[in-house]
Amino acid sequence: MSAVLVGERYRQLLASPLAQSGFEPVFLPDSTKLDSRLAGHADLSVCLMPHKKAILSRELGNNHAIVNFLTNRGIAIYLAEKDLAPDYPADVPLCAAFVSGRLLHRLNSTDKVVTENFDGEKINTKQGYTKCNVLTFDNAAVSSDASILMVLETFAPETDRLRLDWGDILLEGFDAGFIGGASFTYNNVIYLTGHLGGTNTARLNAFAEKHRYKVKYLTDSQAFDVGGILPV
């Protein structure tokens, strides 16, 4: 069975839907280093890299159960250079995204261990919550953040880009969440935590079909940002 990493605080909402979709959910404890509203966001505590590498926050690196689970799946584990902290941008060093063979992040905030373990081109964006803000697969990117899509247009022009309207995705404690935090892809399927608004749904469905992907909804509720669901 394929496994995914997701925050423990979302167990009640997602354990059954993920299992029914064929995934073993592995729940990560809340970070004590982050803003309490974001403490359960996996994409702030783990950076899953190409070639079966994972950079863990120093706090999560002390969780032997998680480390052993990942190691047993053939994933090489590295610890971040610095501890996370609650205030931006000290909470985003691991929140990098990967698309079209490139690393995409606010590079002056990226943890040194992430950049040292990626040999490809690195693209700078002003958005530090990069992984939260963008859904990437193959040579495609979906985001409501125009700045991310503009950077990709300039520095990774072969990347097909879709811009969604902002505001469809729930994030407790904030006005709205983001597509990257509410989705993941696996075996040519885009999984969403819930439903988007009508316009965004039509756009995403057409974009997915163009790339021979399907869209599946884990719940019948409005889409909600959980800080990423990370396939391992």
C-alpha atoms as a PDB file:
ATOM      1  CA  MET A   1       0.000   0.000   0.000  1.00  0.00           C
ATOM      2  CA  SER A   2       1.232   3.504  -0.808  1.00  0.00           C
ATOM      3  CA  ALA A   3       1.702   5.810   2.156  1.00  0.00           C
ATOM      4  CA  VAL A   4       1.235   9.537   2.691  1.00  0.00           C
ATOM      5  CA  LEU A   5       2.431  11.904   5.401  1.00  0.00           C
ATOM      6  CA  VAL A   6      -0.170  14.270   6.854  1.00  0.00           C
ATOM      7  CA  GLY A   7      -0.640  16.176  10.092  1.00  0.00           C
ATOM      8  CA  GLU A   8      -2.046  14.301  13.089  1.00  0.00           C
ATOM      9  CA  ARG A   9      -4.659  16.998  13.666  1.00  0.00           C
ATOM     10  CA  TYR A  10      -6.361  15.946  10.415  1.00  0.00           C
ATOM     11  CA  ARG A  11      -6.724  12.294  11.382  1.00  0.00           C
ATOM     12  CA  GLN A  12     -10.466  12.476  12.016  1.00  0.00           C
ATOM     13  CA  LEU A  13     -11.120  14.189   8.699  1.00  0.00           C
ATOM     14  CA  LEU A  14      -8.806  12.231   6.442  1.00  0.00           C
ATOM     15  CA  ALA A  15      -7.906   8.824   7.903  1.00  0.00           C
ATOM     16  CA  SER A  16     -10.882   7.006   6.418  1.00  0.00           C
ATOM     17  CA  PRO A  17     -10.963   8.814   3.020  1.00  0.00           C
ATOM     18  CA  LEU A  18      -7.251   8.211   2.491  1.00  0.00           C
ATOM     19  CA  ALA A  19      -7.521   4.544   3.438  1.00  0.00           C
ATOM     20  CA  GLN A  20     -10.525   4.096   1.165  1.00  0.00           C
ATOM     21  CA  SER A  21      -8.465   5.610  -1.668  1.00  0.00           C
ATOM     22  CA  GLY A  22      -5.716   3.043  -1.125  1.00  0.00           C
ATOM     23  CA  PHE A  23      -3.278   5.034   1.008  1.00  0.00           C
ATOM     24  CA  GLU A  24      -1.760   4.314   4.392  1.00  0.00           C
ATOM     25  CA  PRO A  25      -1.859   7.633   6.260  1.00  0.00           C
ATOM     26  CA  VAL A  26       1.142   8.284   8.478  1.00  0.00           C
ATOM     27  CA  PHE A  27       0.297  11.083  10.886  1.00  0.00           C
ATOM     28  CA  LEU A  28       2.889  13.631  11.934  1.00  0.00           C
ATOM     29  CA  PRO A  29       2.650  15.264  15.370  1.00  0.00           C
ATOM     30  CA  ASP A  30       2.159  18.998  15.639  1.00  0.00           C
ATOM     31  CA  SER A  31       5.383  20.971  15.709  1.00  0.00           C
ATOM     32  CA  THR A  32       6.054  22.869  18.922  1.00  0.00           C
ATOM     33  CA  LYS A  33       8.175  25.344  16.952  1.00  0.00           C
ATOM     34  CA  LEU A  34       5.493  26.737  14.639  1.00  0.00           C
ATOM     35  CA  ASP A  35       2.507  29.053  14.889  1.00  0.00           C
ATOM     36  CA  SER A  36      -0.239  26.918  16.442  1.00  0.00           C
ATOM     37  CA  ARG A  37      -2.448  27.439  13.373  1.00  0.00           C
ATOM     38  CA  LEU A  38       0.212  25.866  11.123  1.00  0.00           C
ATOM     39  CA  ALA A  39       1.798  23.422  13.536  1.00  0.00           C
ATOM     40  CA  GLY A  40       0.170  20.417  11.877  1.00  0.00           C
ATOM     41  CA  HIS A  41       1.299  21.282   8.355  1.00  0.00           C
ATOM     42  CA  ALA A  42       3.492  18.508   6.992  1.00  0.00           C
ATOM     43  CA  ASP A  43       4.991  20.694   4.265  1.00  0.00           C
ATOM     44  CA  LEU A  44       6.601  22.930   6.896  1.00  0.00           C
ATOM     45  CA  SER A  45       8.265  20.033   8.728  1.00  0.00           C
ATOM     46  CA  VAL A  46       9.246  17.807   5.792  1.00  0.00           C
ATOM     47  CA  CYS A  47      10.751  18.553   2.388  1.00  0.00           C
ATOM     48  CA  LEU A  48      10.376  15.519   0.143  1.00  0.00           C
ATOM     49  CA  MET A  49      13.074  15.738  -2.502  1.00  0.00           C
ATOM     50  CA  PRO A  50      13.586  13.937  -5.805  1.00  0.00           C
ATOM     51  CA  HIS A  51      15.575  10.691  -5.743  1.00  0.00           C
ATOM     52  CA  LYS A  52      14.034   9.442  -2.485  1.00  0.00           C
ATOM     53  CA  LYS A  53      15.467  12.038  -0.121  1.00  0.00           C
ATOM     54  CA  ALA A  54      13.674  13.759   2.743  1.00  0.00           C
ATOM     55  CA  ILE A  55      14.819  16.758   4.744  1.00  0.00           C
ATOM     56  CA  LEU A  56      13.186  16.741   8.175  1.00  0.00           C
ATOM     57  CA  SER A  57      12.894  19.544  10.670  1.00  0.00           C
ATOM     58  CA  ARG A  58      15.273  19.068  13.561  1.00  0.00           C
ATOM     59  CA  GLU A  59      12.285  18.468  15.820  1.00  0.00           C
ATOM     60  CA  LEU A  60      10.722  15.798  13.604  1.00  0.00           C
ATOM     61  CA  GLY A  61      14.127  14.201  13.154  1.00  0.00           C
ATOM     62  CA  ASN A  62      13.927  13.188  16.825  1.00  0.00           C
ATOM     63  CA  ASN A  63      10.777  11.187  16.117  1.00  0.00           C
ATOM     64  CA  HIS A  64      12.236   7.699  15.770  1.00  0.00           C
ATOM     65  CA  ALA A  65       8.985   6.166  14.548  1.00  0.00           C
ATOM     66  CA  ILE A  66       8.772   8.567  11.597  1.00  0.00           C
ATOM     67  CA  VAL A  67      12.474   8.306  10.799  1.00  0.00           C
ATOM     68  CA  ASN A  68      12.333   4.501  10.875  1.00  0.00           C
ATOM     69  CA  PHE A  69       9.209   4.425   8.741  1.00  0.00           C
ATOM     70  CA  LEU A  70      10.801   6.564   6.037  1.00  0.00           C
ATOM     71  CA  THR A  71      14.120   4.743   6.199  1.00  0.00           C
ATOM     72  CA  ASN A  72      12.363   1.405   5.804  1.00  0.00           C
ATOM     73  CA  ARG A  73      10.787   2.744   2.611  1.00  0.00           C
ATOM     74  CA  GLY A  74      14.240   3.435   1.180  1.00  0.00           C
ATOM     75  CA  ILE A  75      14.191   7.180   1.774  1.00  0.00           C
ATOM     76  CA  ALA A  76      17.464   8.843   2.766  1.00  0.00           C
ATOM     77  CA  ILE A  77      16.923  11.129   5.767  1.00  0.00           C
ATOM     78  CA  TYR A  78      18.709  14.424   6.362  1.00  0.00           C
ATOM     79  CA  LEU A  79      18.145  16.904   9.189  1.00  0.00           C
ATOM     80  CA  ALA A  80      17.595  20.590   8.516  1.00  0.00           C
ATOM     81  CA  GLU A  81      20.433  22.897   9.442  1.00  0.00           C
ATOM     82  CA  LYS A  82      18.328  25.193  11.628  1.00  0.00           C
ATOM     83  CA  ASP A  83      15.308  24.867  13.881  1.00  0.00           C
ATOM     84  CA  LEU A  84      11.979  26.179  12.666  1.00  0.00           C
ATOM     85  CA  ALA A  85      10.455  29.225  14.365  1.00  0.00           C
ATOM     86  CA  PRO A  86       6.876  30.551  14.442  1.00  0.00           C
ATOM     87  CA  ASP A  87       7.314  33.802  12.544  1.00  0.00           C
ATOM     88  CA  TYR A  88       7.628  34.078   8.761  1.00  0.00           C
ATOM     89  CA  PRO A  89      10.035  33.439   7.084  1.00  0.00           C
ATOM     90  CA  ALA A  90      11.653  31.300   9.803  1.00  0.00           C
ATOM     91  CA  ASP A  91       8.811  28.783   9.398  1.00  0.00           C
ATOM     92  CA  VAL A  92       9.334  28.130   5.668  1.00  0.00           C
ATOM     93  CA  PRO A  93      12.893  26.752   5.143  1.00  0.00           C
ATOM     94  CA  LEU A  94      11.513  23.329   4.130  1.00  0.00           C
ATOM     95  CA  CYS A  95       8.495  24.537   2.140  1.00  0.00           C
ATOM     96  CA  ALA A  96      10.091  24.211  -1.293  1.00  0.00           C
ATOM     97  CA  ALA A  97       8.321  22.864  -4.369  1.00  0.00           C
ATOM     98  CA  PHE A  98       9.730  20.900  -7.300  1.00  0.00           C
ATOM     99  CA  VAL A  99       8.513  21.225 -10.869  1.00  0.00           C
ATOM    100  CA  SER A 100       9.984  20.565 -14.303  1.00  0.00           C
ATOM    101  CA  GLY A 101      13.181  19.289 -12.712  1.00  0.00           C
ATOM    102  CA  ARG A 102      13.726  22.512 -10.786  1.00  0.00           C
ATOM    103  CA  LEU A 103      13.554  23.619  -7.161  1.00  0.00           C
ATOM    104  CA  LEU A 104      11.176  26.534  -6.587  1.00  0.00           C
ATOM    105  CA  HIS A 105      11.334  28.545  -3.367  1.00  0.00           C
ATOM    106  CA  ARG A 106      12.215  31.818  -1.639  1.00  0.00           C
ATOM    107  CA  LEU A 107      15.865  30.938  -1.858  1.00  0.00           C
ATOM    108  CA  ASN A 108      17.158  33.252   0.852  1.00  0.00           C
ATOM    109  CA  SER A 109      14.905  31.310   3.236  1.00  0.00           C
ATOM    110  CA  THR A 110      15.578  27.776   1.990  1.00  0.00           C
ATOM    111  CA  ASP A 111      17.368  25.529   4.446  1.00  0.00           C
ATOM    112  CA  LYS A 112      20.960  24.945   3.409  1.00  0.00           C
ATOM    113  CA  VAL A 113      20.516  21.164   3.579  1.00  0.00           C
ATOM    114  CA  VAL A 114      17.746  21.368   0.972  1.00  0.00           C
ATOM    115  CA  THR A 115      19.843  23.327  -1.518  1.00  0.00           C
ATOM    116  CA  GLU A 116      22.919  21.165  -0.914  1.00  0.00           C
ATOM    117  CA  ASN A 117      20.932  18.033  -1.749  1.00  0.00           C
ATOM    118  CA  PHE A 118      19.508  19.342  -5.019  1.00  0.00           C
ATOM    119  CA  ASP A 119      21.809  19.496  -8.021  1.00  0.00           C
ATOM    120  CA  GLY A 120      19.348  21.015 -10.484  1.00  0.00           C
ATOM    121  CA  GLU A 121      18.375  24.580 -11.267  1.00  0.00           C
ATOM    122  CA  LYS A 122      16.957  26.618  -8.405  1.00  0.00           C
ATOM    123  CA  ILE A 123      14.320  29.275  -9.093  1.00  0.00           C
ATOM    124  CA  ASN A 124      13.658  32.110  -6.680  1.00  0.00           C
ATOM    125  CA  THR A 125      10.165  33.300  -5.832  1.00  0.00           C
ATOM    126  CA  LYS A 126       9.113  35.883  -3.286  1.00  0.00           C
ATOM    127  CA  GLN A 127       6.537  33.448  -1.864  1.00  0.00           C
ATOM    128  CA  GLY A 128       8.099  31.499   0.989  1.00  0.00           C
ATOM    129  CA  TYR A 129       5.080  29.216   1.449  1.00  0.00           C
ATOM    130  CA  THR A 130       5.826  27.813  -1.986  1.00  0.00           C
ATOM    131  CA  LYS A 131       4.785  24.191  -1.522  1.00  0.00           C
ATOM    132  CA  CYS A 132       1.564  25.355   0.155  1.00  0.00           C
ATOM    133  CA  ASN A 133       0.768  27.625  -2.757  1.00  0.00           C
ATOM    134  CA  VAL A 134       1.348  25.403  -5.755  1.00  0.00           C
ATOM    135  CA  LEU A 135       0.248  21.975  -6.931  1.00  0.00           C
ATOM    136  CA  THR A 136       2.902  20.519  -9.224  1.00  0.00           C
ATOM    137  CA  PHE A 137       3.010  17.390 -11.344  1.00  0.00           C
ATOM    138  CA  ASP A 138       5.123  16.449 -14.347  1.00  0.00           C
ATOM    139  CA  ASN A 139       5.716  19.741 -16.195  1.00  0.00           C
ATOM    140  CA  ALA A 140       2.616  21.431 -14.825  1.00  0.00           C
ATOM    141  CA  ALA A 141       1.806  23.857 -12.015  1.00  0.00           C
ATOM    142  CA  VAL A 142      -1.482  25.050 -10.507  1.00  0.00           C
ATOM    143  CA  SER A 143      -1.656  28.041  -8.176  1.00  0.00           C
ATOM    144  CA  SER A 144      -3.659  31.101  -7.179  1.00  0.00           C
ATOM    145  CA  ASP A 145      -0.381  32.985  -6.665  1.00  0.00           C
ATOM    146  CA  ALA A 146       0.382  35.025  -9.790  1.00  0.00           C
ATOM    147  CA  SER A 147       3.971  35.676  -8.713  1.00  0.00           C
ATOM    148  CA  ILE A 148       4.793  31.950  -8.685  1.00  0.00           C
ATOM    149  CA  LEU A 149       3.300  31.416 -12.122  1.00  0.00           C
ATOM    150  CA  MET A 150       5.106  34.458 -13.540  1.00  0.00           C
ATOM    151  CA  VAL A 151       8.456  33.170 -12.268  1.00  0.00           C
ATOM    152  CA  LEU A 152       7.784  29.807 -13.876  1.00  0.00           C
ATOM    153  CA  GLU A 153       6.824  31.493 -17.136  1.00  0.00           C
ATOM    154  CA  THR A 154      10.210  33.249 -17.155  1.00  0.00           C
ATOM    155  CA  PHE A 155      12.544  30.571 -15.830  1.00  0.00           C
ATOM    156  CA  ALA A 156      10.723  27.324 -16.657  1.00  0.00           C
ATOM    157  CA  PRO A 157       8.703  28.245 -19.756  1.00  0.00           C
ATOM    158  CA  GLU A 158       8.018  24.619 -20.665  1.00  0.00           C
ATOM    159  CA  THR A 159       5.898  24.345 -17.494  1.00  0.00           C
ATOM    160  CA  ASP A 160       2.196  24.435 -18.275  1.00  0.00           C
ATOM    161  CA  ARG A 161       0.515  26.779 -15.810  1.00  0.00           C
ATOM    162  CA  LEU A 162      -3.014  27.170 -14.481  1.00  0.00           C
ATOM    163  CA  ARG A 163      -4.082  30.077 -12.310  1.00  0.00           C
ATOM    164  CA  LEU A 164      -7.003  29.538  -9.956  1.00  0.00           C
ATOM    165  CA  ASP A 165      -9.046  32.195  -8.217  1.00  0.00           C
ATOM    166  CA  TRP A 166      -8.111  32.599  -4.561  1.00  0.00           C
ATOM    167  CA  GLY A 167     -10.623  32.037  -1.762  1.00  0.00           C
ATOM    168  CA  ASP A 168     -12.170  28.595  -2.416  1.00  0.00           C
ATOM    169  CA  ILE A 169     -10.038  26.712   0.115  1.00  0.00           C
ATOM    170  CA  LEU A 170     -10.547  26.814   3.871  1.00  0.00           C
ATOM    171  CA  LEU A 171      -7.681  27.288   6.330  1.00  0.00           C
ATOM    172  CA  GLU A 172      -8.562  27.603  10.000  1.00  0.00           C
ATOM    173  CA  GLY A 173      -7.318  30.873  11.467  1.00  0.00           C
ATOM    174  CA  PHE A 174      -6.830  32.533   8.059  1.00  0.00           C
ATOM    175  CA  ASP A 175      -9.013  34.083   5.365  1.00  0.00           C
ATOM    176  CA  ALA A 176      -8.329  31.199   2.982  1.00  0.00           C
ATOM    177  CA  GLY A 177      -5.893  28.413   2.194  1.00  0.00           C
ATOM    178  CA  PHE A 178      -4.063  27.256  -0.906  1.00  0.00           C
ATOM    179  CA  ILE A 179      -4.202  24.511  -3.501  1.00  0.00           C
ATOM    180  CA  GLY A 180      -0.845  22.947  -2.624  1.00  0.00           C
ATOM    181  CA  GLY A 181      -1.900  22.479   0.974  1.00  0.00           C
ATOM    182  CA  ALA A 182      -5.204  20.906  -0.032  1.00  0.00           C
ATOM    183  CA  SER A 183      -4.039  18.383  -2.614  1.00  0.00           C
ATOM    184  CA  PHE A 184      -1.533  15.829  -3.812  1.00  0.00           C
ATOM    185  CA  THR A 185      -0.994  13.701  -6.899  1.00  0.00           C
ATOM    186  CA  TYR A 186      -0.360  10.011  -7.327  1.00  0.00           C
ATOM    187  CA  ASN A 187      -0.519   7.762 -10.396  1.00  0.00           C
ATOM    188  CA  ASN A 188      -2.071  10.413 -12.639  1.00  0.00           C
ATOM    189  CA  VAL A 189      -4.752  11.368 -10.139  1.00  0.00           C
ATOM    190  CA  ILE A 190      -5.097  14.744  -8.422  1.00  0.00           C
ATOM    191  CA  TYR A 191      -6.531  14.197  -4.951  1.00  0.00           C
ATOM    192  CA  LEU A 192      -8.271  17.157  -3.300  1.00  0.00           C
ATOM    193  CA  THR A 193      -9.381  17.331   0.317  1.00  0.00           C
ATOM    194  CA  GLY A 194     -12.739  18.639  -0.887  1.00  0.00           C
ATOM    195  CA  HIS A 195     -14.490  20.627  -3.589  1.00  0.00           C
ATOM    196  CA  LEU A 196     -13.522  23.941  -5.158  1.00  0.00           C
ATOM    197  CA  GLY A 197     -15.939  26.562  -6.432  1.00  0.00           C
ATOM    198  CA  GLY A 198     -17.600  26.064  -9.797  1.00  0.00           C
ATOM    199  CA  THR A 199     -15.230  28.170 -11.897  1.00  0.00           C
ATOM    200  CA  ASN A 200     -12.089  26.706 -10.348  1.00  0.00           C
ATOM    201  CA  THR A 201     -13.495  23.187 -10.589  1.00  0.00           C
ATOM    202  CA  ALA A 202     -14.120  23.567 -14.321  1.00  0.00           C
ATOM    203  CA  ARG A 203     -10.636  25.008 -14.889  1.00  0.00           C
ATOM    204  CA  LEU A 204      -8.894  22.298 -12.888  1.00  0.00           C
ATOM    205  CA  ASN A 205     -10.864  19.488 -14.506  1.00  0.00           C
ATOM    206  CA  ALA A 206     -10.000  20.765 -17.991  1.00  0.00           C
ATOM    207  CA  PHE A 207      -6.323  21.201 -17.058  1.00  0.00           C
ATOM    208  CA  ALA A 208      -6.157  17.727 -15.538  1.00  0.00           C
ATOM    209  CA  GLU A 209      -7.782  16.160 -18.575  1.00  0.00           C
ATOM    210  CA  LYS A 210      -5.298  17.974 -20.827  1.00  0.00           C
ATOM    211  CA  HIS A 211      -2.474  16.256 -18.921  1.00  0.00           C
ATOM    212  CA  ARG A 212      -4.312  12.917 -18.751  1.00  0.00           C
ATOM    213  CA  TYR A 213      -4.955  13.208 -15.039  1.00  0.00           C
ATOM    214  CA  LYS A 214      -8.181  12.621 -13.169  1.00  0.00           C
ATOM    215  CA  VAL A 215      -9.470  14.602 -10.198  1.00  0.00           C
ATOM    216  CA  LYS A 216     -10.725  12.814  -7.094  1.00  0.00           C
ATOM    217  CA  TYR A 217     -12.255  14.370  -3.973  1.00  0.00           C
ATOM    218  CA  LEU A 218     -11.410  12.826  -0.616  1.00  0.00           C
ATOM    219  CA  THR A 219     -14.445  14.369   1.097  1.00  0.00           C
ATOM    220  CA  ASP A 220     -17.738  15.978   0.106  1.00  0.00           C
ATOM    221  CA  SER A 221     -16.917  19.189   1.968  1.00  0.00           C
ATOM    222  CA  GLN A 222     -15.367  22.412   0.724  1.00  0.00           C
ATOM    223  CA  ALA A 223     -11.643  21.964   0.077  1.00  0.00           C
ATOM    224  CA  PHE A 224      -9.504  22.620   3.157  1.00  0.00           C
ATOM    225  CA  ASP A 225      -5.786  23.275   3.499  1.00  0.00           C
ATOM    226  CA  VAL A 226      -3.989  20.705   5.678  1.00  0.00           C
ATOM    227  CA  GLY A 227      -0.460  21.829   4.854  1.00  0.00           C
ATOM    228  CA  GLY A 228       0.033  19.184   2.263  1.00  0.00           C
ATOM    229  CA  ILE A 229      -0.409  15.435   1.961  1.00  0.00           C
ATOM    230  CA  LEU A 230       2.954  13.972   0.998  1.00  0.00           C
ATOM    231  CA  PRO A 231       3.202  10.619  -0.820  1.00  0.00           C
ATOM    232  CA  VAL A 232       6.206   8.530   0.227  1.00  0.00           C
END
